[in-house]
PDB file of all heavy atoms in Angstrom:
ATOM      1  N   THR A   1     -68.204  40.507  26.432  1.00  0.00           N
ATOM      2  CA  THR A   1     -69.267  39.883  27.217  1.00  0.00           C
ATOM      3  C   THR A   1     -70.598  40.307  26.627  1.00  0.00           C
ATOM      4  O   THR A   1     -70.879  41.506  26.500  1.00  0.00           O
ATOM      5  CB  THR A   1     -69.179  40.287  28.697  1.00  0.00           C
ATOM      6  OG1 THR A   1     -67.897  39.917  29.220  1.00  0.00           O
ATOM      7  CG2 THR A   1     -70.265  39.594  29.511  1.00  0.00           C
ATOM      8  N   ASP A   2     -71.409  39.327  26.246  1.00  0.00           N
ATOM      9  CA  ASP A   2     -72.703  39.581  25.615  1.00  0.00           C
ATOM     10  C   ASP A   2     -73.829  39.112  26.521  1.00  0.00           C
ATOM     11  O   ASP A   2     -73.674  38.170  27.300  1.00  0.00           O
ATOM     12  CB  ASP A   2     -72.805  38.841  24.278  1.00  0.00           C
ATOM     13  CG  ASP A   2     -71.785  39.320  23.263  1.00  0.00           C
ATOM     14  OD1 ASP A   2     -71.508  40.528  23.234  1.00  0.00           O
ATOM     15  OD2 ASP A   2     -71.253  38.483  22.507  1.00  0.00           O
ATOM     16  N   ARG A   3     -74.950  39.780  26.395  1.00  0.00           N
ATOM     17  CA  ARG A   3     -76.182  39.312  27.025  1.00  0.00           C
ATOM     18  C   ARG A   3     -77.066  38.680  25.953  1.00  0.00           C
ATOM     19  O   ARG A   3     -77.228  39.236  24.873  1.00  0.00           O
ATOM     20  CB  ARG A   3     -76.913  40.468  27.711  1.00  0.00           C
ATOM     21  CG  ARG A   3     -78.187  40.040  28.426  1.00  0.00           C
ATOM     22  CD  ARG A   3     -78.731  41.124  29.329  1.00  0.00           C
ATOM     23  NE  ARG A   3     -77.920  41.295  30.527  1.00  0.00           N
ATOM     24  CZ  ARG A   3     -77.256  42.414  30.825  1.00  0.00           C
ATOM     25  NH1 ARG A   3     -77.311  43.446  30.008  1.00  0.00           N
ATOM     26  NH2 ARG A   3     -76.547  42.509  31.936  1.00  0.00           N
ATOM     27  N   LEU A   4     -77.601  37.497  26.251  1.00  0.00           N
ATOM     28  CA  LEU A   4     -78.455  36.785  25.306  1.00  0.00           C
ATOM     29  C   LEU A   4     -79.903  37.239  25.464  1.00  0.00           C
ATOM     30  O   LEU A   4     -80.410  37.331  26.584  1.00  0.00           O
ATOM     31  CB  LEU A   4     -78.350  35.275  25.523  1.00  0.00           C
ATOM     32  CG  LEU A   4     -76.986  34.631  25.227  1.00  0.00           C
ATOM     33  CD1 LEU A   4     -77.046  33.136  25.539  1.00  0.00           C
ATOM     34  CD2 LEU A   4     -76.568  34.862  23.796  1.00  0.00           C
ATOM     35  N   TRP A   5     -80.544  37.481  24.329  1.00  0.00           N
ATOM     36  CA  TRP A   5     -81.937  37.913  24.316  1.00  0.00           C
ATOM     37  C   TRP A   5     -82.743  36.967  23.431  1.00  0.00           C
ATOM     38  O   TRP A   5     -82.311  36.596  22.341  1.00  0.00           O
ATOM     39  CB  TRP A   5     -82.064  39.339  23.770  1.00  0.00           C
ATOM     40  CG  TRP A   5     -81.456  40.384  24.667  1.00  0.00           C
ATOM     41  CD1 TRP A   5     -80.150  40.750  24.722  1.00  0.00           C
ATOM     42  CD2 TRP A   5     -82.143  41.173  25.639  1.00  0.00           C
ATOM     43  NE1 TRP A   5     -79.969  41.733  25.667  1.00  0.00           N
ATOM     44  CE2 TRP A   5     -81.176  42.013  26.243  1.00  0.00           C
ATOM     45  CE3 TRP A   5     -83.469  41.272  26.050  1.00  0.00           C
ATOM     46  CZ2 TRP A   5     -81.510  42.922  27.235  1.00  0.00           C
ATOM     47  CZ3 TRP A   5     -83.801  42.182  27.042  1.00  0.00           C
ATOM     48  CH2 TRP A   5     -82.826  43.004  27.627  1.00  0.00           C
ATOM     49  N   ARG A   6     -83.904  36.588  23.925  1.00  0.00           N
ATOM     50  CA  ARG A   6     -84.819  35.724  23.178  1.00  0.00           C
ATOM     51  C   ARG A   6     -86.028  36.547  22.767  1.00  0.00           C
ATOM     52  O   ARG A   6     -86.691  37.164  23.601  1.00  0.00           O
ATOM     53  CB  ARG A   6     -85.251  34.527  24.036  1.00  0.00           C
ATOM     54  CG  ARG A   6     -86.202  33.554  23.347  1.00  0.00           C
ATOM     55  CD  ARG A   6     -86.609  32.440  24.307  1.00  0.00           C
ATOM     56  NE  ARG A   6     -87.535  31.497  23.677  1.00  0.00           N
ATOM     57  CZ  ARG A   6     -88.849  31.660  23.650  1.00  0.00           C
ATOM     58  NH1 ARG A   6     -89.395  32.733  24.212  1.00  0.00           N
ATOM     59  NH2 ARG A   6     -89.621  30.757  23.059  1.00  0.00           N
ATOM     60  N   TRP A   7     -86.316  36.541  21.443  1.00  0.00           N
ATOM     61  CA  TRP A   7     -87.425  37.344  20.923  1.00  0.00           C
ATOM     62  C   TRP A   7     -88.272  36.511  19.987  1.00  0.00           C
ATOM     63  O   TRP A   7     -87.756  35.714  19.190  1.00  0.00           O
ATOM     64  CB  TRP A   7     -86.894  38.565  20.168  1.00  0.00           C
ATOM     65  CG  TRP A   7     -87.973  39.406  19.540  1.00  0.00           C
ATOM     66  CD1 TRP A   7     -88.721  40.380  20.152  1.00  0.00           C
ATOM     67  CD2 TRP A   7     -88.433  39.343  18.193  1.00  0.00           C
ATOM     68  NE1 TRP A   7     -89.609  40.921  19.263  1.00  0.00           N
ATOM     69  CE2 TRP A   7     -89.457  40.307  18.048  1.00  0.00           C
ATOM     70  CE3 TRP A   7     -88.082  38.560  17.093  1.00  0.00           C
ATOM     71  CZ2 TRP A   7     -90.126  40.518  16.842  1.00  0.00           C
ATOM     72  CZ3 TRP A   7     -88.752  38.760  15.890  1.00  0.00           C
ATOM     73  CH2 TRP A   7     -89.759  39.739  15.777  1.00  0.00           C
ATOM     74  N   GLN A   8     -89.564  36.690  20.097  1.00  0.00           N
ATOM     75  CA  GLN A   8     -90.517  36.031  19.208  1.00  0.00           C
ATOM     76  C   GLN A   8     -91.646  37.002  18.914  1.00  0.00           C
ATOM     77  O   GLN A   8     -92.170  37.659  19.821  1.00  0.00           O
ATOM     78  CB  GLN A   8     -91.066  34.744  19.821  1.00  0.00           C
ATOM     79  CG  GLN A   8     -91.910  33.908  18.865  1.00  0.00           C
ATOM     80  CD  GLN A   8     -92.262  32.551  19.452  1.00  0.00           C
ATOM     81  OE1 GLN A   8     -92.107  32.317  20.651  1.00  0.00           O
ATOM     82  NE2 GLN A   8     -92.719  31.630  18.619  1.00  0.00           N
ATOM     83  N   SER A   9     -91.980  37.086  17.652  1.00  0.00           N
ATOM     84  CA  SER A   9     -93.021  38.025  17.242  1.00  0.00           C
ATOM     85  C   SER A   9     -94.358  37.631  17.851  1.00  0.00           C
ATOM     86  O   SER A   9     -94.771  36.472  17.767  1.00  0.00           O
ATOM     87  CB  SER A   9     -93.116  38.070  15.713  1.00  0.00           C
ATOM     88  OG  SER A   9     -94.181  38.909  15.307  1.00  0.00           O
ATOM     89  N   ALA A  10     -95.011  38.591  18.479  1.00  0.00           N
ATOM     90  CA  ALA A  10     -96.328  38.340  19.054  1.00  0.00           C
ATOM     91  C   ALA A  10     -97.359  38.162  17.940  1.00  0.00           C
ATOM     92  O   ALA A  10     -97.277  38.788  16.880  1.00  0.00           O
ATOM     93  CB  ALA A  10     -96.734  39.485  19.973  1.00  0.00           C
ATOM     94  N   ALA A  11     -98.312  37.279  18.181  1.00  0.00           N
ATOM     95  CA  ALA A  11     -99.308  36.973  17.146  1.00  0.00           C
ATOM     96  C   ALA A  11    -100.170  38.185  16.819  1.00  0.00           C
ATOM     97  O   ALA A  11    -100.603  38.360  15.682  1.00  0.00           O
ATOM     98  CB  ALA A  11    -100.182  35.805  17.597  1.00  0.00           C
ATOM     99  N   ASP A  12    -100.421  39.056  17.813  1.00  0.00           N
ATOM    100  CA  ASP A  12    -101.292  40.205  17.592  1.00  0.00           C
ATOM    101  C   ASP A  12    -100.516  41.462  17.207  1.00  0.00           C
ATOM    102  O   ASP A  12    -101.096  42.537  17.082  1.00  0.00           O
ATOM    103  CB  ASP A  12    -102.116  40.492  18.854  1.00  0.00           C
ATOM    104  CG  ASP A  12    -101.217  40.716  20.075  1.00  0.00           C
ATOM    105  OD1 ASP A  12    -100.014  40.411  19.989  1.00  0.00           O
ATOM    106  OD2 ASP A  12    -101.744  41.172  21.115  1.00  0.00           O
ATOM    107  N   ARG A  13     -99.185  41.353  17.017  1.00  0.00           N
ATOM    108  CA  ARG A  13     -98.376  42.518  16.686  1.00  0.00           C
ATOM    109  C   ARG A  13     -98.247  42.637  15.177  1.00  0.00           C
ATOM    110  O   ARG A  13     -97.880  41.681  14.495  1.00  0.00           O
ATOM    111  CB  ARG A  13     -96.995  42.432  17.322  1.00  0.00           C
ATOM    112  CG  ARG A  13     -96.133  43.676  17.093  1.00  0.00           C
ATOM    113  CD  ARG A  13     -94.794  43.563  17.804  1.00  0.00           C
ATOM    114  NE  ARG A  13     -93.952  44.720  17.578  1.00  0.00           N
ATOM    115  CZ  ARG A  13     -94.002  45.825  18.285  1.00  0.00           C
ATOM    116  NH1 ARG A  13     -94.866  45.928  19.286  1.00  0.00           N
ATOM    117  NH2 ARG A  13     -93.209  46.841  18.021  1.00  0.00           N
ATOM    118  N   VAL A  14     -98.535  43.815  14.641  1.00  0.00           N
ATOM    119  CA  VAL A  14     -98.434  44.060  13.208  1.00  0.00           C
ATOM    120  C   VAL A  14     -96.992  44.383  12.864  1.00  0.00           C
ATOM    121  O   VAL A  14     -96.349  45.204  13.519  1.00  0.00           O
ATOM    122  CB  VAL A  14     -99.362  45.217  12.783  1.00  0.00           C
ATOM    123  CG1 VAL A  14     -99.247  45.472  11.286  1.00  0.00           C
ATOM    124  CG2 VAL A  14    -100.807  44.894  13.167  1.00  0.00           C
ATOM    125  N   ALA A  15     -96.469  43.714  11.850  1.00  0.00           N
ATOM    126  CA  ALA A  15     -95.091  43.967  11.431  1.00  0.00           C
ATOM    127  C   ALA A  15     -94.957  45.373  10.886  1.00  0.00           C
ATOM    128  O   ALA A  15     -95.844  45.864  10.169  1.00  0.00           O
ATOM    129  CB  ALA A  15     -94.676  42.950  10.372  1.00  0.00           C
ATOM    130  N   PRO A  16     -93.866  46.081  11.207  1.00  0.00           N
ATOM    131  CA  PRO A  16     -93.685  47.446  10.706  1.00  0.00           C
ATOM    132  C   PRO A  16     -93.423  47.444   9.209  1.00  0.00           C
ATOM    133  O   PRO A  16     -93.313  46.393   8.565  1.00  0.00           O
ATOM    134  CB  PRO A  16     -92.459  47.932  11.489  1.00  0.00           C
ATOM    135  CG  PRO A  16     -91.727  46.691  11.876  1.00  0.00           C
ATOM    136  CD  PRO A  16     -92.772  45.641  12.078  1.00  0.00           C
ATOM    137  N   ALA A  17     -93.321  48.634   8.651  1.00  0.00           N
ATOM    138  CA  ALA A  17     -93.068  48.772   7.225  1.00  0.00           C
ATOM    139  C   ALA A  17     -91.790  48.035   6.846  1.00  0.00           C
ATOM    140  O   ALA A  17     -90.853  47.927   7.637  1.00  0.00           O
ATOM    141  CB  ALA A  17     -92.962  50.250   6.851  1.00  0.00           C
ATOM    142  N   ALA A  18     -91.771  47.559   5.611  1.00  0.00           N
ATOM    143  CA  ALA A  18     -90.652  46.730   5.164  1.00  0.00           C
ATOM    144  C   ALA A  18     -89.326  47.457   5.294  1.00  0.00           C
ATOM    145  O   ALA A  18     -88.338  46.898   5.762  1.00  0.00           O
ATOM    146  CB  ALA A  18     -90.874  46.290   3.726  1.00  0.00           C
ATOM    147  N   SER A  19     -89.244  48.729   4.895  1.00  0.00           N
ATOM    148  CA  SER A  19     -87.993  49.473   4.966  1.00  0.00           C
ATOM    149  C   SER A  19     -88.283  50.949   4.797  1.00  0.00           C
ATOM    150  O   SER A  19     -89.301  51.337   4.215  1.00  0.00           O
ATOM    151  CB  SER A  19     -87.015  48.999   3.877  1.00  0.00           C
ATOM    152  OG  SER A  19     -87.566  49.258   2.590  1.00  0.00           O
ATOM    153  N   PRO A  20     -87.404  51.809   5.311  1.00  0.00           N
ATOM    154  CA  PRO A  20     -87.576  53.243   5.061  1.00  0.00           C
ATOM    155  C   PRO A  20     -87.555  53.537   3.563  1.00  0.00           C
ATOM    156  O   PRO A  20     -86.990  52.784   2.760  1.00  0.00           O
ATOM    157  CB  PRO A  20     -86.370  53.859   5.788  1.00  0.00           C
ATOM    158  CG  PRO A  20     -85.965  52.845   6.813  1.00  0.00           C
ATOM    159  CD  PRO A  20     -86.279  51.515   6.203  1.00  0.00           C
ATOM    160  N   ALA A  21     -88.137  54.675   3.207  1.00  0.00           N
ATOM    161  CA  ALA A  21     -88.281  54.997   1.785  1.00  0.00           C
ATOM    162  C   ALA A  21     -86.945  55.151   1.089  1.00  0.00           C
ATOM    163  O   ALA A  21     -86.810  54.817  -0.097  1.00  0.00           O
ATOM    164  CB  ALA A  21     -89.109  56.277   1.640  1.00  0.00           C
ATOM    165  N   GLU A  22     -85.930  55.655   1.795  1.00  0.00           N
ATOM    166  CA  GLU A  22     -84.631  55.895   1.152  1.00  0.00           C
ATOM    167  C   GLU A  22     -83.755  54.652   1.060  1.00  0.00           C
ATOM    168  O   GLU A  22     -82.654  54.711   0.508  1.00  0.00           O
ATOM    169  CB  GLU A  22     -83.871  56.995   1.894  1.00  0.00           C
ATOM    170  CG  GLU A  22     -83.359  56.626   3.276  1.00  0.00           C
ATOM    171  CD  GLU A  22     -84.393  56.816   4.377  1.00  0.00           C
ATOM    172  OE1 GLU A  22     -85.587  56.981   4.035  1.00  0.00           O
ATOM    173  OE2 GLU A  22     -84.004  56.802   5.556  1.00  0.00           O
ATOM    174  N   LEU A  23     -84.215  53.523   1.613  1.00  0.00           N
ATOM    175  CA  LEU A  23     -83.424  52.297   1.624  1.00  0.00           C
ATOM    176  C   LEU A  23     -84.149  51.187   0.883  1.00  0.00           C
ATOM    177  O   LEU A  23     -85.372  51.169   0.803  1.00  0.00           O
ATOM    178  CB  LEU A  23     -83.130  51.861   3.068  1.00  0.00           C
ATOM    179  CG  LEU A  23     -82.366  52.850   3.937  1.00  0.00           C
ATOM    180  CD1 LEU A  23     -82.215  52.300   5.354  1.00  0.00           C
ATOM    181  CD2 LEU A  23     -80.997  53.167   3.342  1.00  0.00           C
ATOM    182  N   GLN A  24     -83.368  50.245   0.360  1.00  0.00           N
ATOM    183  CA  GLN A  24     -83.910  49.100  -0.351  1.00  0.00           C
ATOM    184  C   GLN A  24     -83.742  47.843   0.501  1.00  0.00           C
ATOM    185  O   GLN A  24     -82.689  47.635   1.100  1.00  0.00           O
ATOM    186  CB  GLN A  24     -83.205  48.907  -1.696  1.00  0.00           C
ATOM    187  CG  GLN A  24     -83.407  50.036  -2.684  1.00  0.00           C
ATOM    188  CD  GLN A  24     -82.661  49.769  -3.994  1.00  0.00           C
ATOM    189  OE1 GLN A  24     -81.928  48.795  -4.123  1.00  0.00           O
ATOM    190  NE2 GLN A  24     -82.867  50.660  -4.966  1.00  0.00           N
ATOM    191  N   LEU A  25     -84.764  47.005   0.524  1.00  0.00           N
ATOM    192  CA  LEU A  25     -84.703  45.728   1.224  1.00  0.00           C
ATOM    193  C   LEU A  25     -84.255  44.655   0.242  1.00  0.00           C
ATOM    194  O   LEU A  25     -84.888  44.446  -0.796  1.00  0.00           O
ATOM    195  CB  LEU A  25     -86.076  45.381   1.802  1.00  0.00           C
ATOM    196  CG  LEU A  25     -86.180  44.040   2.528  1.00  0.00           C
ATOM    197  CD1 LEU A  25     -85.340  44.046   3.808  1.00  0.00           C
ATOM    198  CD2 LEU A  25     -87.638  43.712   2.847  1.00  0.00           C
ATOM    199  N   ARG A  26     -83.144  43.983   0.563  1.00  0.00           N
ATOM    200  CA  ARG A  26     -82.611  42.956  -0.319  1.00  0.00           C
ATOM    201  C   ARG A  26     -82.348  41.675   0.464  1.00  0.00           C
ATOM    202  O   ARG A  26     -81.899  41.731   1.610  1.00  0.00           O
ATOM    203  CB  ARG A  26     -81.307  43.420  -0.983  1.00  0.00           C
ATOM    204  CG  ARG A  26     -81.447  44.647  -1.871  1.00  0.00           C
ATOM    205  CD  ARG A  26     -80.132  44.974  -2.545  1.00  0.00           C
ATOM    206  NE  ARG A  26     -80.185  46.234  -3.268  1.00  0.00           N
ATOM    207  CZ  ARG A  26     -79.142  46.776  -3.905  1.00  0.00           C
ATOM    208  NH1 ARG A  26     -77.975  46.114  -3.912  1.00  0.00           N
ATOM    209  NH2 ARG A  26     -79.261  47.938  -4.525  1.00  0.00           N
ATOM    210  N   PRO A  27     -82.592  40.519  -0.152  1.00  0.00           N
ATOM    211  CA  PRO A  27     -82.290  39.244   0.519  1.00  0.00           C
ATOM    212  C   PRO A  27     -80.801  38.933   0.412  1.00  0.00           C
ATOM    213  O   PRO A  27     -80.092  39.439  -0.472  1.00  0.00           O
ATOM    214  CB  PRO A  27     -83.127  38.234  -0.255  1.00  0.00           C
ATOM    215  CG  PRO A  27     -83.217  38.818  -1.642  1.00  0.00           C
ATOM    216  CD  PRO A  27     -83.257  40.316  -1.461  1.00  0.00           C
ATOM    217  N   LEU A  28     -80.347  38.074   1.299  1.00  0.00           N
ATOM    218  CA  LEU A  28     -78.958  37.632   1.262  1.00  0.00           C
ATOM    219  C   LEU A  28     -78.808  36.515   0.243  1.00  0.00           C
ATOM    220  O   LEU A  28     -79.479  35.491   0.332  1.00  0.00           O
ATOM    221  CB  LEU A  28     -78.530  37.144   2.649  1.00  0.00           C
ATOM    222  CG  LEU A  28     -77.131  36.516   2.746  1.00  0.00           C
ATOM    223  CD1 LEU A  28     -76.055  37.520   2.378  1.00  0.00           C
ATOM    224  CD2 LEU A  28     -76.892  35.956   4.144  1.00  0.00           C
ATOM    225  N   ASN A  29     -77.925  36.720  -0.726  1.00  0.00           N
ATOM    226  CA  ASN A  29     -77.592  35.706  -1.717  1.00  0.00           C
ATOM    227  C   ASN A  29     -76.174  35.975  -2.204  1.00  0.00           C
ATOM    228  O   ASN A  29     -75.475  36.843  -1.675  1.00  0.00           O
ATOM    229  CB  ASN A  29     -78.600  35.697  -2.879  1.00  0.00           C
ATOM    230  CG  ASN A  29     -78.830  37.082  -3.462  1.00  0.00           C
ATOM    231  OD1 ASN A  29     -77.875  37.830  -3.700  1.00  0.00           O
ATOM    232  ND2 ASN A  29     -80.089  37.433  -3.684  1.00  0.00           N
ATOM    233  N   ARG A  30     -75.756  35.248  -3.218  1.00  0.00           N
ATOM    234  CA  ARG A  30     -74.372  35.391  -3.685  1.00  0.00           C
ATOM    235  C   ARG A  30     -74.095  36.762  -4.285  1.00  0.00           C
ATOM    236  O   ARG A  30     -72.963  37.249  -4.243  1.00  0.00           O
ATOM    237  CB  ARG A  30     -74.049  34.291  -4.712  1.00  0.00           C
ATOM    238  CG  ARG A  30     -74.009  32.901  -4.104  1.00  0.00           C
ATOM    239  CD  ARG A  30     -73.387  31.895  -5.049  1.00  0.00           C
ATOM    240  NE  ARG A  30     -73.247  30.598  -4.385  1.00  0.00           N
ATOM    241  CZ  ARG A  30     -72.237  30.263  -3.618  1.00  0.00           C
ATOM    242  NH1 ARG A  30     -71.255  31.128  -3.404  1.00  0.00           N
ATOM    243  NH2 ARG A  30     -72.181  29.080  -3.043  1.00  0.00           N
ATOM    244  N   ARG A  31     -75.110  37.396  -4.842  1.00  0.00           N
ATOM    245  CA  ARG A  31     -74.892  38.712  -5.434  1.00  0.00           C
ATOM    246  C   ARG A  31     -74.812  39.812  -4.386  1.00  0.00           C
ATOM    247  O   ARG A  31     -74.144  40.818  -4.593  1.00  0.00           O
ATOM    248  CB  ARG A  31     -76.012  39.023  -6.435  1.00  0.00           C
ATOM    249  CG  ARG A  31     -75.970  38.167  -7.694  1.00  0.00           C
ATOM    250  CD  ARG A  31     -77.123  38.495  -8.613  1.00  0.00           C
ATOM    251  NE  ARG A  31     -78.405  38.207  -7.975  1.00  0.00           N
ATOM    252  CZ  ARG A  31     -79.583  38.474  -8.528  1.00  0.00           C
ATOM    253  NH1 ARG A  31     -79.637  39.040  -9.726  1.00  0.00           N
ATOM    254  NH2 ARG A  31     -80.699  38.169  -7.894  1.00  0.00           N
ATOM    255  N   THR A  32     -75.506  39.636  -3.258  1.00  0.00           N
ATOM    256  CA  THR A  32     -75.539  40.682  -2.234  1.00  0.00           C
ATOM    257  C   THR A  32     -74.675  40.358  -1.021  1.00  0.00           C
ATOM    258  O   THR A  32     -74.583  41.178  -0.108  1.00  0.00           O
ATOM    259  CB  THR A  32     -76.982  40.895  -1.765  1.00  0.00           C
ATOM    260  OG1 THR A  32     -77.483  39.678  -1.185  1.00  0.00           O
ATOM    261  CG2 THR A  32     -77.887  41.307  -2.918  1.00  0.00           C
ATOM    262  N   ALA A  33     -74.044  39.184  -0.990  1.00  0.00           N
ATOM    263  CA  ALA A  33     -73.288  38.777   0.196  1.00  0.00           C
ATOM    264  C   ALA A  33     -72.143  39.732   0.498  1.00  0.00           C
ATOM    265  O   ALA A  33     -71.811  39.969   1.663  1.00  0.00           O
ATOM    266  CB  ALA A  33     -72.762  37.354   0.017  1.00  0.00           C
ATOM    267  N   SER A  34     -71.520  40.296  -0.540  1.00  0.00           N
ATOM    268  CA  SER A  34     -70.397  41.204  -0.295  1.00  0.00           C
ATOM    269  C   SER A  34     -70.837  42.456   0.458  1.00  0.00           C
ATOM    270  O   SER A  34     -70.072  43.010   1.251  1.00  0.00           O
ATOM    271  CB  SER A  34     -69.746  41.600  -1.621  1.00  0.00           C
ATOM    272  OG  SER A  34     -70.676  42.251  -2.467  1.00  0.00           O
TER     273      SER A  34
END
């Protein structure tokens, strides 16, 4: 049983840092899908 949540970024909210220093941010594609 799941609860549904609706989220939308507020216009005045600053996005946090892309990723912690010890981790890499990668997009989803055929090379990273696994």
